[in-house]
């Protein structure tokens, strides 16, 4: 049985969230490093909108191609709240707000996956 596309989308979003959390942690770890520029990932919506979705063949006589999913790349952050005299552009407050967004989005993904898991179980039991 092939996984449902929604499950794959939640998985891809979780991968993106974990990469964003690592980037936020790196920014916070380098908060006192002279000349360090805070970084962030491209928004997940822009990564998904650039993804070409193609039909997948479920039978040998069907035509289709596998879906290509590009990995998000790091982009330098331009909207930092402050830049210190040493050239560091990390704002701890801004990074903490982004970490809160990541935690909230991850909780949302987990609840969506849990809801679909319950739906699958109820359909199998019936």
N, C-alpha and C. Protein backbone atom coordinates (compact mmCIF):
# COMPACT_ATOMS: atom_id res chain seq x y z
N UNK A 1 0.85 -1.18 0.00
CA UNK A 1 0.00 0.00 0.00
C UNK A 1 0.89 1.24 0.00
N UNK A 2 0.63 2.15 -0.90
CA UNK A 2 1.39 3.39 -1.01
C UNK A 2 0.97 4.36 0.10
N UNK A 3 1.91 5.15 0.64
CA UNK A 3 1.53 6.14 1.65
C UNK A 3 0.66 7.23 1.05
N UNK A 4 -0.23 7.76 1.84
CA UNK A 4 -1.10 8.84 1.40
C UNK A 4 -0.25 10.10 1.26
N UNK A 5 -0.54 10.92 0.26
CA UNK A 5 0.25 12.12 0.01
C UNK A 5 0.30 13.03 1.23
N UNK A 6 -0.78 13.12 1.99
CA UNK A 6 -0.79 13.98 3.17
C UNK A 6 0.27 13.54 4.17
N UNK A 7 0.44 12.24 4.36
CA UNK A 7 1.46 11.75 5.26
C UNK A 7 2.86 12.15 4.78
N UNK A 8 3.08 12.09 3.48
CA UNK A 8 4.37 12.49 2.93
C UNK A 8 4.59 13.98 3.10
N UNK A 9 3.54 14.76 2.92
CA UNK A 9 3.63 16.20 3.09
C UNK A 9 3.96 16.56 4.54
N UNK A 10 3.30 15.90 5.49
CA UNK A 10 3.59 16.13 6.90
C UNK A 10 5.03 15.74 7.21
N UNK A 11 5.49 14.64 6.64
CA UNK A 11 6.87 14.20 6.85
C UNK A 11 7.87 15.21 6.28
N UNK A 12 7.60 15.71 5.08
CA UNK A 12 8.48 16.70 4.48
C UNK A 12 8.49 17.99 5.29
N UNK A 13 7.33 18.39 5.79
CA UNK A 13 7.25 19.59 6.61
C UNK A 13 8.02 19.39 7.91
N UNK A 14 7.94 18.20 8.51
CA UNK A 14 8.70 17.92 9.72
C UNK A 14 10.20 17.97 9.45
N UNK A 15 10.63 17.45 8.30
CA UNK A 15 12.05 17.54 7.93
C UNK A 15 12.48 18.99 7.80
N UNK A 16 11.64 19.80 7.16
CA UNK A 16 11.95 21.22 7.00
C UNK A 16 12.01 21.91 8.36
N UNK A 17 11.05 21.57 9.25
CA UNK A 17 11.04 22.17 10.58
C UNK A 17 12.28 21.81 11.38
N UNK A 18 12.75 20.56 11.25
CA UNK A 18 13.96 20.17 11.98
C UNK A 18 15.18 20.90 11.44
N UNK A 19 15.25 21.12 10.12
CA UNK A 19 16.36 21.89 9.54
C UNK A 19 16.29 23.35 9.99
N UNK A 20 15.07 23.88 10.08
CA UNK A 20 14.92 25.27 10.53
C UNK A 20 15.31 25.40 12.00
N UNK A 21 14.94 24.41 12.81
CA UNK A 21 15.30 24.45 14.22
C UNK A 21 16.82 24.39 14.39
N UNK A 22 17.49 23.59 13.58
CA UNK A 22 18.96 23.52 13.63
C UNK A 22 19.58 24.85 13.22
N UNK A 23 19.00 25.52 12.23
CA UNK A 23 19.50 26.82 11.80
C UNK A 23 19.31 27.86 12.89
N UNK A 24 18.16 27.83 13.55
CA UNK A 24 17.89 28.75 14.66
C UNK A 24 18.88 28.51 15.80
N UNK A 25 19.14 27.25 16.11
CA UNK A 25 20.10 26.92 17.17
C UNK A 25 21.49 27.40 16.80
N UNK A 26 21.87 27.27 15.53
CA UNK A 26 23.18 27.75 15.08
C UNK A 26 23.26 29.27 15.22
N UNK A 27 22.17 29.97 14.87
CA UNK A 27 22.15 31.42 15.02
C UNK A 27 22.34 31.81 16.48
N UNK A 28 21.63 31.14 17.38
CA UNK A 28 21.73 31.46 18.80
C UNK A 28 23.11 31.12 19.36
N UNK A 29 23.71 30.04 18.88
CA UNK A 29 25.03 29.66 19.36
C UNK A 29 26.09 30.67 18.93
N UNK A 30 25.84 31.36 17.83
CA UNK A 30 26.80 32.34 17.32
C UNK A 30 26.35 33.77 17.60
N UNK A 31 25.54 33.96 18.62
CA UNK A 31 25.00 35.30 18.93
C UNK A 31 26.10 36.28 19.29
N UNK A 32 27.22 35.82 19.81
CA UNK A 32 28.31 36.72 20.19
C UNK A 32 29.51 36.64 19.25
N UNK A 33 29.37 35.95 18.14
CA UNK A 33 30.46 35.82 17.18
C UNK A 33 30.52 37.07 16.31
N UNK A 34 31.65 37.77 16.31
CA UNK A 34 31.75 38.98 15.48
C UNK A 34 31.59 38.65 13.99
N UNK A 35 30.78 39.45 13.29
CA UNK A 35 30.61 39.29 11.85
C UNK A 35 29.67 38.18 11.43
N UNK A 36 29.06 37.47 12.38
CA UNK A 36 28.16 36.38 12.01
C UNK A 36 26.82 36.95 11.55
N UNK A 37 26.34 36.50 10.40
CA UNK A 37 25.03 36.91 9.89
C UNK A 37 24.02 35.82 10.19
N UNK A 38 22.90 36.23 10.80
CA UNK A 38 21.83 35.27 11.09
C UNK A 38 21.28 34.71 9.79
N UNK A 39 20.95 33.42 9.80
CA UNK A 39 20.43 32.75 8.61
C UNK A 39 19.05 32.16 8.91
N UNK A 40 18.33 31.89 7.85
CA UNK A 40 17.03 31.24 7.97
C UNK A 40 16.80 30.44 6.69
N UNK A 41 15.83 29.54 6.72
CA UNK A 41 15.50 28.75 5.54
C UNK A 41 14.41 29.43 4.73
N UNK A 42 14.34 29.05 3.46
CA UNK A 42 13.23 29.52 2.64
C UNK A 42 11.93 29.03 3.27
N UNK A 43 10.85 29.81 3.20
CA UNK A 43 9.58 29.35 3.76
C UNK A 43 9.12 28.05 3.08
N UNK A 44 8.51 27.18 3.86
CA UNK A 44 8.08 25.88 3.35
C UNK A 44 7.09 26.03 2.21
N UNK A 45 6.25 27.04 2.27
CA UNK A 45 5.26 27.24 1.20
C UNK A 45 5.94 27.53 -0.14
N UNK A 46 7.04 28.28 -0.12
CA UNK A 46 7.73 28.56 -1.38
C UNK A 46 8.46 27.32 -1.89
N UNK A 47 8.95 26.48 -0.97
CA UNK A 47 9.61 25.24 -1.38
C UNK A 47 8.60 24.31 -2.04
N UNK A 48 7.41 24.19 -1.44
CA UNK A 48 6.36 23.32 -2.00
C UNK A 48 5.83 23.89 -3.32
N UNK A 49 5.68 25.21 -3.41
CA UNK A 49 5.15 25.78 -4.65
C UNK A 49 6.11 25.60 -5.82
N UNK A 50 7.42 25.48 -5.54
CA UNK A 50 8.40 25.25 -6.59
C UNK A 50 8.51 23.78 -6.97
N UNK A 51 7.91 22.91 -6.16
CA UNK A 51 7.98 21.48 -6.42
C UNK A 51 7.05 21.12 -7.56
N UNK A 52 7.57 20.38 -8.51
CA UNK A 52 6.74 19.91 -9.61
C UNK A 52 6.08 18.61 -9.17
N UNK A 53 4.78 18.62 -9.14
CA UNK A 53 4.05 17.41 -8.79
C UNK A 53 3.69 16.67 -10.07
N UNK A 54 4.03 15.40 -10.12
CA UNK A 54 3.74 14.60 -11.29
C UNK A 54 2.91 13.39 -10.88
N UNK A 55 2.18 12.85 -11.82
CA UNK A 55 1.39 11.67 -11.54
C UNK A 55 2.33 10.47 -11.38
N UNK A 56 1.95 9.57 -10.51
CA UNK A 56 2.74 8.38 -10.27
C UNK A 56 2.03 7.17 -10.86
N UNK A 57 2.78 6.31 -11.51
CA UNK A 57 2.20 5.11 -12.10
C UNK A 57 1.93 4.08 -11.01
N UNK A 58 0.69 3.64 -10.91
CA UNK A 58 0.33 2.61 -9.93
C UNK A 58 0.22 1.24 -10.58
N UNK A 59 0.30 1.23 -11.90
CA UNK A 59 0.22 -0.02 -12.64
C UNK A 59 1.18 0.09 -13.82
N UNK A 60 1.70 -1.04 -14.29
CA UNK A 60 2.66 -1.02 -15.39
C UNK A 60 2.14 -0.34 -16.65
N UNK A 61 0.84 -0.42 -16.89
CA UNK A 61 0.29 0.18 -18.10
C UNK A 61 -0.02 1.67 -17.93
N UNK A 62 0.16 2.22 -16.72
CA UNK A 62 -0.09 3.64 -16.49
C UNK A 62 1.17 4.44 -16.82
N UNK A 63 0.95 5.68 -17.23
CA UNK A 63 2.06 6.59 -17.50
C UNK A 63 2.25 7.50 -16.29
N UNK A 64 3.48 7.86 -15.99
CA UNK A 64 3.72 8.78 -14.88
C UNK A 64 5.18 8.83 -14.53
N UNK A 65 5.51 9.75 -13.69
CA UNK A 65 6.88 9.91 -13.22
C UNK A 65 6.85 10.06 -11.71
N UNK A 66 7.97 9.76 -11.07
CA UNK A 66 8.08 9.93 -9.63
C UNK A 66 8.15 11.42 -9.30
N UNK A 67 7.64 11.78 -8.14
CA UNK A 67 7.65 13.17 -7.73
C UNK A 67 9.04 13.59 -7.28
N UNK A 68 9.51 14.74 -7.75
CA UNK A 68 10.79 15.27 -7.31
C UNK A 68 10.55 16.26 -6.19
N UNK A 69 11.30 16.13 -5.11
CA UNK A 69 11.16 17.04 -3.98
C UNK A 69 12.51 17.70 -3.72
N UNK A 70 12.65 18.97 -4.03
CA UNK A 70 13.93 19.63 -3.76
C UNK A 70 14.10 19.91 -2.28
N UNK A 71 15.33 19.88 -1.81
CA UNK A 71 15.64 20.20 -0.42
C UNK A 71 15.72 21.71 -0.27
N UNK A 72 15.15 22.27 0.80
CA UNK A 72 15.27 23.70 0.99
C UNK A 72 16.72 24.10 1.25
N UNK A 73 17.10 25.27 0.80
CA UNK A 73 18.47 25.73 0.98
C UNK A 73 18.49 26.90 1.95
N UNK A 74 19.63 27.10 2.58
CA UNK A 74 19.79 28.21 3.51
C UNK A 74 19.83 29.52 2.73
N UNK A 75 19.15 30.52 3.25
CA UNK A 75 19.22 31.86 2.69
C UNK A 75 19.58 32.80 3.82
N UNK A 76 20.36 33.80 3.51
CA UNK A 76 20.73 34.75 4.54
C UNK A 76 19.53 35.62 4.88
N UNK A 77 19.40 35.91 6.16
CA UNK A 77 18.28 36.70 6.65
C UNK A 77 18.59 38.17 6.48
N UNK A 78 17.67 38.91 5.88
CA UNK A 78 17.90 40.32 5.63
C UNK A 78 17.12 41.22 6.57
N UNK A 79 16.13 40.70 7.28
CA UNK A 79 15.27 41.54 8.10
C UNK A 79 15.58 41.42 9.59
N UNK A 80 16.85 41.40 9.93
CA UNK A 80 17.25 41.30 11.32
C UNK A 80 16.83 42.56 12.06
N UNK A 81 16.54 42.41 13.33
CA UNK A 81 16.10 43.55 14.12
C UNK A 81 17.23 44.51 14.43
N UNK A 82 18.43 43.96 14.59
CA UNK A 82 19.55 44.85 14.91
C UNK A 82 20.85 44.24 14.42
N UNK A 83 21.79 45.10 14.14
CA UNK A 83 23.14 44.68 13.80
C UNK A 83 24.07 45.38 14.77
N UNK A 84 24.89 44.61 15.47
CA UNK A 84 25.79 45.20 16.45
C UNK A 84 27.01 45.81 15.77
N UNK A 85 27.82 46.50 16.55
CA UNK A 85 29.02 47.13 16.00
C UNK A 85 29.99 46.09 15.46
N UNK A 86 29.94 44.88 15.99
CA UNK A 86 30.85 43.83 15.51
C UNK A 86 30.36 43.20 14.21
N UNK A 87 29.19 43.64 13.72
CA UNK A 87 28.66 43.10 12.48
C UNK A 87 27.78 41.88 12.67
N UNK A 88 27.47 41.51 13.89
CA UNK A 88 26.62 40.36 14.19
C UNK A 88 25.16 40.78 14.05
N UNK A 89 24.37 39.99 13.34
CA UNK A 89 22.97 40.35 13.11
C UNK A 89 21.98 39.42 13.82
N UNK A 90 22.43 38.68 14.83
CA UNK A 90 21.56 37.75 15.54
C UNK A 90 20.81 38.49 16.64
N UNK A 91 19.49 38.37 16.63
CA UNK A 91 18.65 38.90 17.70
C UNK A 91 18.08 37.71 18.46
N UNK A 92 18.45 37.56 19.73
CA UNK A 92 18.00 36.42 20.53
C UNK A 92 16.48 36.40 20.61
N UNK A 93 15.86 37.56 20.79
CA UNK A 93 14.39 37.62 20.89
C UNK A 93 13.74 37.10 19.61
N UNK A 94 14.27 37.51 18.47
CA UNK A 94 13.72 37.08 17.19
C UNK A 94 13.92 35.57 17.00
N UNK A 95 15.08 35.06 17.39
CA UNK A 95 15.35 33.63 17.25
C UNK A 95 14.44 32.81 18.18
N UNK A 96 14.17 33.32 19.38
CA UNK A 96 13.26 32.63 20.30
C UNK A 96 11.83 32.61 19.76
N UNK A 97 11.42 33.71 19.11
CA UNK A 97 10.09 33.72 18.50
C UNK A 97 9.99 32.69 17.37
N UNK A 98 11.05 32.60 16.56
CA UNK A 98 11.05 31.61 15.48
C UNK A 98 11.06 30.19 16.05
N UNK A 99 11.78 29.96 17.15
CA UNK A 99 11.79 28.64 17.77
C UNK A 99 10.40 28.28 18.28
N UNK A 100 9.66 29.26 18.79
CA UNK A 100 8.28 29.03 19.21
C UNK A 100 7.38 28.68 18.03
N UNK A 101 7.59 29.35 16.89
CA UNK A 101 6.82 29.02 15.69
C UNK A 101 7.09 27.59 15.24
N UNK A 102 8.35 27.18 15.29
CA UNK A 102 8.71 25.82 14.89
C UNK A 102 8.04 24.81 15.81
N UNK A 103 8.07 25.06 17.12
CA UNK A 103 7.43 24.14 18.08
C UNK A 103 5.92 24.05 17.83
N UNK A 104 5.29 25.20 17.56
CA UNK A 104 3.85 25.21 17.29
C UNK A 104 3.52 24.45 16.00
N UNK A 105 4.31 24.67 14.96
CA UNK A 105 4.07 23.98 13.69
C UNK A 105 4.30 22.48 13.81
N UNK A 106 5.31 22.09 14.59
CA UNK A 106 5.55 20.67 14.79
C UNK A 106 4.38 20.02 15.56
N UNK A 107 3.85 20.71 16.55
CA UNK A 107 2.69 20.19 17.29
C UNK A 107 1.47 20.06 16.37
N UNK A 108 1.29 21.02 15.47
CA UNK A 108 0.19 20.95 14.50
C UNK A 108 0.36 19.74 13.58
N UNK A 109 1.58 19.52 13.08
CA UNK A 109 1.85 18.36 12.24
C UNK A 109 1.56 17.06 12.98
N UNK A 110 1.97 16.99 14.23
CA UNK A 110 1.75 15.78 15.02
C UNK A 110 0.25 15.53 15.23
N UNK A 111 -0.52 16.59 15.46
CA UNK A 111 -1.96 16.39 15.65
C UNK A 111 -2.65 15.98 14.35
N UNK A 112 -2.19 16.51 13.21
CA UNK A 112 -2.76 16.11 11.92
C UNK A 112 -2.46 14.63 11.66
N UNK A 113 -1.22 14.24 11.88
CA UNK A 113 -0.85 12.83 11.68
C UNK A 113 -1.63 11.92 12.61
N UNK A 114 -1.82 12.34 13.85
CA UNK A 114 -2.58 11.54 14.82
C UNK A 114 -4.04 11.40 14.39
N UNK A 115 -4.62 12.48 13.88
CA UNK A 115 -6.01 12.43 13.42
C UNK A 115 -6.17 11.47 12.25
N UNK A 116 -5.25 11.53 11.30
CA UNK A 116 -5.33 10.61 10.16
C UNK A 116 -5.06 9.17 10.57
N UNK A 117 -4.19 8.98 11.55
CA UNK A 117 -3.95 7.63 12.05
C UNK A 117 -5.23 7.06 12.68
N UNK A 118 -5.92 7.87 13.46
CA UNK A 118 -7.21 7.42 14.04
C UNK A 118 -8.23 7.14 12.95
N UNK A 119 -8.24 7.95 11.89
CA UNK A 119 -9.17 7.73 10.79
C UNK A 119 -8.87 6.40 10.11
N UNK A 120 -7.57 6.10 9.88
CA UNK A 120 -7.18 4.83 9.27
C UNK A 120 -7.61 3.66 10.15
N UNK A 121 -7.37 3.77 11.45
CA UNK A 121 -7.75 2.69 12.35
C UNK A 121 -9.25 2.46 12.38
N UNK A 122 -10.02 3.53 12.38
CA UNK A 122 -11.48 3.37 12.40
C UNK A 122 -11.99 2.77 11.08
N UNK A 123 -11.34 3.09 9.96
CA UNK A 123 -11.78 2.52 8.69
C UNK A 123 -11.42 1.03 8.59
N UNK A 124 -10.31 0.65 9.21
CA UNK A 124 -9.90 -0.76 9.18
C UNK A 124 -10.79 -1.60 10.09
N UNK A 125 -11.17 -1.04 11.24
CA UNK A 125 -12.01 -1.75 12.20
C UNK A 125 -13.43 -1.97 11.68
N UNK A 126 -13.90 -1.06 10.85
CA UNK A 126 -15.29 -1.14 10.36
C UNK A 126 -15.47 -2.27 9.38
